[in-house]
Amino acid sequence: MNFRLRKRFSPSMFRFGLPIVVLTAAMLIAACSSNESDATPTFTPVPQVSTQASLEETISLSPGQSAEIAGENLEIAFHRVFSDSRCPTGAQCVTAGTATVVMQLVGQDIESGRIEMFISPGGMVEIPVGDHTLHVLRLEPDPPSANGVDASDYRITFNVSKN
């Protein structure tokens, strides 16, 4: 048997492969060193208080609004609807889909933080928050039209009860 050894790296590989490797590395370095101030923030500060309500009172907010629960040191902000894949009215869908809603809670007796809720068409959600429970009653429009919904058209309706 006659085995023939081949060169592992041929001259043509250096001629064509090396520039490709160098350009790829340069593009990766440039992409990683982008100015972070140009990046879109994923979370916005708590909006100004737009309404005050008492326990178990129905509250309806648009994106960018917040509500303060009187006497409970609790503020709830509605930031945005992150995604909405709920099945439009009159359409036949394999699944009902969900909407992802981003809210924020601020209070002295709780750890302030962002909440992401998944809401199905016509669905209600209950979230315990310290000594309180946030009851999401509806997200409008429910469900979205086939053409989609403008972000500012959403309204979330909820109330807060004490445990």
C-alpha atoms as a PDB file:
ATOM      1  CA  MET A   1       0.000   0.000   0.000  1.00  0.00           C
ATOM      2  CA  ASN A   2       1.175   3.349  -0.945  1.00  0.00           C
ATOM      3  CA  PHE A   3       0.042   6.222   1.251  1.00  0.00           C
ATOM      4  CA  ARG A   4       0.542   9.692   0.085  1.00  0.00           C
ATOM      5  CA  LEU A   5       0.776  12.505   2.602  1.00  0.00           C
ATOM      6  CA  ARG A   6      -1.000  15.697   1.715  1.00  0.00           C
ATOM      7  CA  LYS A   7      -0.177  19.108   2.938  1.00  0.00           C
ATOM      8  CA  ARG A   8      -2.677  20.221   5.529  1.00  0.00           C
ATOM      9  CA  PHE A   9      -2.711  23.859   4.454  1.00  0.00           C
ATOM     10  CA  SER A  10      -2.307  24.651   0.810  1.00  0.00           C
ATOM     11  CA  PRO A  11      -1.047  28.002  -0.523  1.00  0.00           C
ATOM     12  CA  SER A  12      -4.476  28.714  -2.052  1.00  0.00           C
ATOM     13  CA  MET A  13      -6.087  28.403   1.375  1.00  0.00           C
ATOM     14  CA  PHE A  14      -3.852  31.164   2.707  1.00  0.00           C
ATOM     15  CA  ARG A  15      -4.543  33.265  -0.369  1.00  0.00           C
ATOM     16  CA  PHE A  16      -8.376  33.064  -0.058  1.00  0.00           C
ATOM     17  CA  GLY A  17      -9.152  31.840   3.459  1.00  0.00           C
ATOM     18  CA  LEU A  18      -6.968  34.143   5.518  1.00  0.00           C
ATOM     19  CA  PRO A  19      -8.570  37.399   4.222  1.00  0.00           C
ATOM     20  CA  ILE A  20     -12.035  35.972   4.904  1.00  0.00           C
ATOM     21  CA  VAL A  21     -11.085  35.079   8.465  1.00  0.00           C
ATOM     22  CA  VAL A  22      -9.544  38.520   9.058  1.00  0.00           C
ATOM     23  CA  LEU A  23     -12.610  40.356   7.643  1.00  0.00           C
ATOM     24  CA  THR A  24     -15.011  38.233   9.703  1.00  0.00           C
ATOM     25  CA  ALA A  25     -13.051  38.926  12.894  1.00  0.00           C
ATOM     26  CA  ALA A  26     -12.985  42.664  12.129  1.00  0.00           C
ATOM     27  CA  MET A  27     -16.775  42.727  11.566  1.00  0.00           C
ATOM     28  CA  LEU A  28     -17.422  40.881  14.843  1.00  0.00           C
ATOM     29  CA  ILE A  29     -15.223  43.282  16.776  1.00  0.00           C
ATOM     30  CA  ALA A  30     -16.951  46.283  15.187  1.00  0.00           C
ATOM     31  CA  ALA A  31     -20.399  44.873  15.987  1.00  0.00           C
ATOM     32  CA  CYS A  32     -19.502  44.188  19.614  1.00  0.00           C
ATOM     33  CA  SER A  33     -18.088  47.655  20.172  1.00  0.00           C
ATOM     34  CA  SER A  34     -21.236  49.536  19.137  1.00  0.00           C
ATOM     35  CA  ASN A  35     -22.240  52.571  21.142  1.00  0.00           C
ATOM     36  CA  GLU A  36     -24.616  51.350  23.856  1.00  0.00           C
ATOM     37  CA  SER A  37     -26.352  54.737  24.059  1.00  0.00           C
ATOM     38  CA  ASP A  38     -27.920  54.001  20.650  1.00  0.00           C
ATOM     39  CA  ALA A  39     -29.560  50.844  22.002  1.00  0.00           C
ATOM     40  CA  THR A  40     -33.299  50.922  22.689  1.00  0.00           C
ATOM     41  CA  PRO A  41     -34.000  50.567  26.413  1.00  0.00           C
ATOM     42  CA  THR A  42     -36.026  47.514  27.383  1.00  0.00           C
ATOM     43  CA  PHE A  43     -37.665  49.141  30.370  1.00  0.00           C
ATOM     44  CA  THR A  44     -38.877  52.670  30.931  1.00  0.00           C
ATOM     45  CA  PRO A  45     -39.133  54.550  34.232  1.00  0.00           C
ATOM     46  CA  VAL A  46     -42.398  54.588  36.123  1.00  0.00           C
ATOM     47  CA  PRO A  47     -44.792  57.074  34.479  1.00  0.00           C
ATOM     48  CA  GLN A  48     -46.329  59.966  36.363  1.00  0.00           C
ATOM     49  CA  VAL A  49     -49.345  58.999  38.440  1.00  0.00           C
ATOM     50  CA  SER A  50     -52.345  59.518  36.197  1.00  0.00           C
ATOM     51  CA  THR A  51     -55.094  58.337  38.520  1.00  0.00           C
ATOM     52  CA  GLN A  52     -55.813  57.464  42.123  1.00  0.00           C
ATOM     53  CA  ALA A  53     -58.095  54.639  43.155  1.00  0.00           C
ATOM     54  CA  SER A  54     -59.119  52.734  46.246  1.00  0.00           C
ATOM     55  CA  LEU A  55     -59.002  49.004  46.895  1.00  0.00           C
ATOM     56  CA  GLU A  56     -61.274  46.917  44.652  1.00  0.00           C
ATOM     57  CA  GLU A  57     -62.088  49.947  42.474  1.00  0.00           C
ATOM     58  CA  THR A  58     -61.877  49.210  38.742  1.00  0.00           C
ATOM     59  CA  ILE A  59     -58.942  50.995  37.088  1.00  0.00           C
ATOM     60  CA  SER A  60     -58.338  51.385  33.353  1.00  0.00           C
ATOM     61  CA  LEU A  61     -54.931  52.533  32.057  1.00  0.00           C
ATOM     62  CA  SER A  62     -53.327  53.189  28.684  1.00  0.00           C
ATOM     63  CA  PRO A  63     -49.621  52.503  28.073  1.00  0.00           C
ATOM     64  CA  GLY A  64     -47.491  55.028  29.958  1.00  0.00           C
ATOM     65  CA  GLN A  65     -50.053  55.629  32.705  1.00  0.00           C
ATOM     66  CA  SER A  66     -50.000  54.554  36.327  1.00  0.00           C
ATOM     67  CA  ALA A  67     -52.401  54.375  39.235  1.00  0.00           C
ATOM     68  CA  GLU A  68     -51.825  54.885  42.933  1.00  0.00           C
ATOM     69  CA  ILE A  69     -53.896  52.812  45.344  1.00  0.00           C
ATOM     70  CA  ALA A  70     -54.990  55.244  48.080  1.00  0.00           C
ATOM     71  CA  GLY A  71     -53.887  54.384  51.604  1.00  0.00           C
ATOM     72  CA  GLU A  72     -51.967  51.293  50.492  1.00  0.00           C
ATOM     73  CA  ASN A  73     -48.617  52.798  49.424  1.00  0.00           C
ATOM     74  CA  LEU A  74     -48.859  50.898  46.140  1.00  0.00           C
ATOM     75  CA  GLU A  75     -48.442  52.225  42.603  1.00  0.00           C
ATOM     76  CA  ILE A  76     -49.071  50.203  39.453  1.00  0.00           C
ATOM     77  CA  ALA A  77     -47.797  51.325  36.037  1.00  0.00           C
ATOM     78  CA  PHE A  78     -48.837  49.964  32.645  1.00  0.00           C
ATOM     79  CA  HIS A  79     -45.804  50.187  30.371  1.00  0.00           C
ATOM     80  CA  ARG A  80     -46.761  48.373  27.183  1.00  0.00           C
ATOM     81  CA  VAL A  81     -48.053  45.307  25.410  1.00  0.00           C
ATOM     82  CA  PHE A  82     -44.868  43.493  24.444  1.00  0.00           C
ATOM     83  CA  SER A  83     -46.507  41.058  22.023  1.00  0.00           C
ATOM     84  CA  ASP A  84     -50.039  40.136  21.017  1.00  0.00           C
ATOM     85  CA  SER A  85     -50.807  36.888  19.214  1.00  0.00           C
ATOM     86  CA  ARG A  86     -54.428  36.529  20.309  1.00  0.00           C
ATOM     87  CA  CYS A  87     -56.791  35.176  17.677  1.00  0.00           C
ATOM     88  CA  PRO A  88     -58.743  38.021  15.964  1.00  0.00           C
ATOM     89  CA  THR A  89     -62.536  38.103  16.206  1.00  0.00           C
ATOM     90  CA  GLY A  90     -64.171  36.043  13.454  1.00  0.00           C
ATOM     91  CA  ALA A  91     -60.964  34.179  12.587  1.00  0.00           C
ATOM     92  CA  GLN A  92     -60.439  30.467  13.063  1.00  0.00           C
ATOM     93  CA  CYS A  93     -57.157  29.833  14.847  1.00  0.00           C
ATOM     94  CA  VAL A  94     -55.486  26.633  15.975  1.00  0.00           C
ATOM     95  CA  THR A  95     -54.674  28.250  19.347  1.00  0.00           C
ATOM     96  CA  ALA A  96     -56.217  31.204  21.142  1.00  0.00           C
ATOM     97  CA  GLY A  97     -52.837  32.940  21.483  1.00  0.00           C
ATOM     98  CA  THR A  98     -51.717  35.306  24.229  1.00  0.00           C
ATOM     99  CA  ALA A  99     -50.765  38.914  24.816  1.00  0.00           C
ATOM    100  CA  THR A 100     -47.690  39.724  26.907  1.00  0.00           C
ATOM    101  CA  VAL A 101     -48.270  42.805  29.061  1.00  0.00           C
ATOM    102  CA  VAL A 102     -45.471  44.641  30.885  1.00  0.00           C
ATOM    103  CA  MET A 103     -46.389  46.398  34.126  1.00  0.00           C
ATOM    104  CA  GLN A 104     -44.439  47.643  37.117  1.00  0.00           C
ATOM    105  CA  LEU A 105     -45.290  47.705  40.801  1.00  0.00           C
ATOM    106  CA  VAL A 106     -43.838  50.194  43.234  1.00  0.00           C
ATOM    107  CA  GLY A 107     -44.513  50.044  46.943  1.00  0.00           C
ATOM    108  CA  GLN A 108     -42.841  50.424  50.296  1.00  0.00           C
ATOM    109  CA  ASP A 109     -43.860  46.983  51.574  1.00  0.00           C
ATOM    110  CA  ILE A 110     -43.031  45.035  48.395  1.00  0.00           C
ATOM    111  CA  GLU A 111     -40.002  44.538  46.235  1.00  0.00           C
ATOM    112  CA  SER A 112     -40.593  46.896  43.329  1.00  0.00           C
ATOM    113  CA  GLY A 113     -40.276  45.279  39.979  1.00  0.00           C
ATOM    114  CA  ARG A 114     -41.384  44.539  36.495  1.00  0.00           C
ATOM    115  CA  ILE A 115     -44.155  42.056  35.845  1.00  0.00           C
ATOM    116  CA  GLU A 116     -44.783  40.319  32.546  1.00  0.00           C
ATOM    117  CA  MET A 117     -48.230  38.761  32.295  1.00  0.00           C
ATOM    118  CA  PHE A 118     -49.606  36.427  29.663  1.00  0.00           C
ATOM    119  CA  ILE A 119     -53.255  37.164  28.889  1.00  0.00           C
ATOM    120  CA  SER A 120     -55.407  34.989  26.643  1.00  0.00           C
ATOM    121  CA  PRO A 121     -58.464  36.355  24.774  1.00  0.00           C
ATOM    122  CA  GLY A 122     -61.104  37.268  27.333  1.00  0.00           C
ATOM    123  CA  GLY A 123     -58.819  35.856  30.012  1.00  0.00           C
ATOM    124  CA  MET A 124     -58.419  37.123  33.510  1.00  0.00           C
ATOM    125  CA  VAL A 125     -55.178  37.029  35.491  1.00  0.00           C
ATOM    126  CA  GLU A 126     -54.560  37.226  39.236  1.00  0.00           C
ATOM    127  CA  ILE A 127     -51.117  38.075  40.580  1.00  0.00           C
ATOM    128  CA  PRO A 128     -50.264  38.128  44.295  1.00  0.00           C
ATOM    129  CA  VAL A 129     -48.275  41.233  45.256  1.00  0.00           C
ATOM    130  CA  GLY A 130     -47.220  41.183  48.901  1.00  0.00           C
ATOM    131  CA  ASP A 131     -50.415  41.661  50.943  1.00  0.00           C
ATOM    132  CA  HIS A 132     -52.413  42.489  47.787  1.00  0.00           C
ATOM    133  CA  THR A 133     -53.671  40.727  44.667  1.00  0.00           C
ATOM    134  CA  LEU A 134     -53.715  42.362  41.242  1.00  0.00           C
ATOM    135  CA  HIS A 135     -56.795  41.199  39.288  1.00  0.00           C
ATOM    136  CA  VAL A 136     -56.467  41.875  35.549  1.00  0.00           C
ATOM    137  CA  LEU A 137     -60.020  41.933  34.204  1.00  0.00           C
ATOM    138  CA  ARG A 138     -59.402  42.565  30.508  1.00  0.00           C
ATOM    139  CA  LEU A 139     -57.026  43.860  27.888  1.00  0.00           C
ATOM    140  CA  GLU A 140     -58.624  45.877  25.117  1.00  0.00           C
ATOM    141  CA  PRO A 141     -59.018  45.652  22.237  1.00  0.00           C
ATOM    142  CA  ASP A 142     -59.797  41.976  22.792  1.00  0.00           C
ATOM    143  CA  PRO A 143     -58.819  40.295  20.564  1.00  0.00           C
ATOM    144  CA  PRO A 144     -56.866  42.420  18.097  1.00  0.00           C
ATOM    145  CA  SER A 145     -58.091  42.968  14.569  1.00  0.00           C
ATOM    146  CA  ALA A 146     -56.456  41.133  11.687  1.00  0.00           C
ATOM    147  CA  ASN A 147     -54.604  44.373  10.833  1.00  0.00           C
ATOM    148  CA  GLY A 148     -53.030  44.614  14.291  1.00  0.00           C
ATOM    149  CA  VAL A 149     -53.387  47.229  16.992  1.00  0.00           C
ATOM    150  CA  ASP A 150     -51.556  50.510  17.467  1.00  0.00           C
ATOM    151  CA  ALA A 151     -49.592  50.378  20.751  1.00  0.00           C
ATOM    152  CA  SER A 152     -51.331  53.470  22.127  1.00  0.00           C
ATOM    153  CA  ASP A 153     -54.809  51.931  21.574  1.00  0.00           C
ATOM    154  CA  TYR A 154     -54.381  49.287  24.280  1.00  0.00           C
ATOM    155  CA  ARG A 155     -56.138  49.647  27.639  1.00  0.00           C
ATOM    156  CA  ILE A 156     -55.759  47.358  30.608  1.00  0.00           C
ATOM    157  CA  THR A 157     -58.546  47.130  33.177  1.00  0.00           C
ATOM    158  CA  PHE A 158     -57.839  45.764  36.654  1.00  0.00           C
ATOM    159  CA  ASN A 159     -58.472  46.150  40.370  1.00  0.00           C
ATOM    160  CA  VAL A 160     -56.454  45.502  43.510  1.00  0.00           C
ATOM    161  CA  SER A 161     -57.695  43.684  46.586  1.00  0.00           C
ATOM    162  CA  LYS A 162     -56.156  43.101  49.998  1.00  0.00           C
ATOM    163  CA  ASN A 163     -55.429  39.484  50.975  1.00  0.00           C
END
